[in-house]
Amino acid sequence: MSTITFINENEEVFATEGANLREKAIENSVDIYKFRGKLINCGGYGQCATCLVEITQGLENLSPKTDFENKRLRKKPENYRLACQTLVNGSITVKTKPK
């Protein structure tokens, strides 16, 4: 069992290995979307890139970036991920809605 710590929300949730980060956030009422993302998000299909999060600890405990992430996040820091494309395989710390 892994722990996902959401910094901004001061929330800690548990996840089994391979859990989807976006789904765990939604299940635990953690809002990962900025205003625009609330209006146009694709529902977790990896097409809109509005579920951007910053991984502050445990980057090594995540699935590799998908081709879509590599394309959409090429100008972002390496620790930025799309929650819908990220599988959790160990404990991590997440900052939602990074600048």
Protein backbone atom coordinates (compact mmCIF):
# COMPACT_ATOMS: atom_id res chain seq x y z
CA MET A 1 0.00 0.00 0.00
CA SER A 2 1.37 3.38 -1.07
CA THR A 3 0.65 6.84 0.29
CA ILE A 4 -0.18 9.84 -1.87
CA THR A 5 0.29 13.12 -0.03
CA PHE A 6 -1.42 16.15 -1.57
CA ILE A 7 0.46 19.18 -0.23
CA ASN A 8 -1.98 22.01 -1.02
CA GLU A 9 -4.95 20.10 0.38
CA ASN A 10 -3.08 18.70 3.40
CA GLU A 11 -4.55 15.32 2.45
CA GLU A 12 -3.00 11.87 2.62
CA VAL A 13 -4.62 8.97 0.76
CA PHE A 14 -3.72 5.33 0.29
CA ALA A 15 -3.36 3.61 -3.05
CA THR A 16 -2.64 0.11 -4.25
CA GLU A 17 0.23 -0.42 -6.68
CA GLY A 18 -0.71 0.69 -10.18
CA ALA A 19 -3.46 3.10 -9.07
CA ASN A 20 -4.19 6.01 -11.40
CA LEU A 21 -3.27 9.33 -9.78
CA ARG A 22 -6.23 11.26 -11.24
CA GLU A 23 -8.73 8.65 -10.11
CA LYS A 24 -7.30 8.57 -6.57
CA ALA A 25 -7.52 12.36 -6.38
CA ILE A 26 -11.14 12.39 -7.53
CA GLU A 27 -12.11 9.50 -5.21
CA ASN A 28 -10.77 11.54 -2.30
CA SER A 29 -12.29 14.91 -3.31
CA VAL A 30 -8.92 16.42 -4.23
CA ASP A 31 -9.44 19.07 -6.90
CA ILE A 32 -6.61 18.83 -9.45
CA TYR A 33 -8.11 21.16 -12.07
CA LYS A 34 -7.72 24.89 -12.48
CA PHE A 35 -10.80 26.80 -13.69
CA ARG A 36 -10.19 26.13 -17.39
CA GLY A 37 -9.61 22.43 -16.71
CA LYS A 38 -12.91 22.15 -14.88
CA LEU A 39 -14.64 23.31 -18.04
CA ILE A 40 -12.80 21.39 -20.74
CA ASN A 41 -11.15 18.33 -19.18
CA CYS A 42 -11.34 15.17 -21.24
CA GLY A 43 -12.40 12.92 -18.37
CA GLY A 44 -9.04 11.22 -17.96
CA TYR A 45 -8.40 10.09 -21.53
CA GLY A 46 -5.09 11.92 -21.87
CA GLN A 47 -6.17 14.36 -24.54
CA CYS A 48 -6.44 17.77 -22.88
CA ALA A 49 -3.43 18.04 -20.51
CA THR A 50 -5.43 19.98 -17.88
CA CYS A 51 -4.68 17.59 -14.98
CA LEU A 52 -1.13 18.85 -14.57
CA VAL A 53 0.50 18.13 -11.19
CA GLU A 54 3.97 18.57 -9.73
CA ILE A 55 5.57 15.57 -8.04
CA THR A 56 7.73 16.90 -5.20
CA GLN A 57 8.80 13.53 -3.81
CA GLY A 58 8.76 9.97 -5.11
CA LEU A 59 9.14 10.60 -8.85
CA GLU A 60 10.86 7.21 -9.10
CA ASN A 61 7.67 5.56 -7.80
CA LEU A 62 5.63 6.48 -10.88
CA SER A 63 5.07 4.86 -14.24
CA PRO A 64 7.22 6.19 -17.10
CA LYS A 65 5.90 9.21 -18.97
CA THR A 66 3.65 8.37 -21.89
CA ASP A 67 4.34 9.63 -25.40
CA PHE A 68 1.52 12.16 -24.95
CA GLU A 69 3.11 13.47 -21.74
CA ASN A 70 6.52 13.73 -23.38
CA LYS A 71 4.98 15.78 -26.18
CA ARG A 72 2.74 18.04 -24.06
CA LEU A 73 5.16 18.56 -21.17
CA ARG A 74 8.41 19.02 -23.11
CA LYS A 75 8.76 22.65 -21.88
CA LYS A 76 7.77 21.84 -18.29
CA PRO A 77 10.07 20.67 -15.48
CA GLU A 78 10.80 16.93 -15.43
CA ASN A 79 8.76 16.45 -12.24
CA TYR A 80 5.51 17.66 -13.84
CA ARG A 81 3.08 14.92 -14.81
CA LEU A 82 -0.45 14.52 -16.12
CA ALA A 83 -2.43 12.85 -13.35
CA CYS A 84 -4.58 10.88 -15.79
CA GLN A 85 -1.49 9.27 -17.37
CA THR A 86 0.33 8.53 -14.12
CA LEU A 87 0.27 5.22 -12.28
CA VAL A 88 1.44 5.17 -8.67
CA ASN A 89 3.80 2.36 -7.67
CA GLY A 90 5.03 3.72 -4.33
CA SER A 91 4.63 6.67 -1.99
CA ILE A 92 4.63 10.14 -3.55
CA THR A 93 4.02 13.76 -2.65
CA VAL A 94 1.99 15.88 -5.07
CA LYS A 95 1.45 19.60 -5.52
CA THR A 96 -1.80 20.22 -7.40
CA LYS A 97 -2.31 23.16 -9.77
CA PRO A 98 1.37 24.12 -10.17
CA LYS A 99 2.18 27.59 -11.53
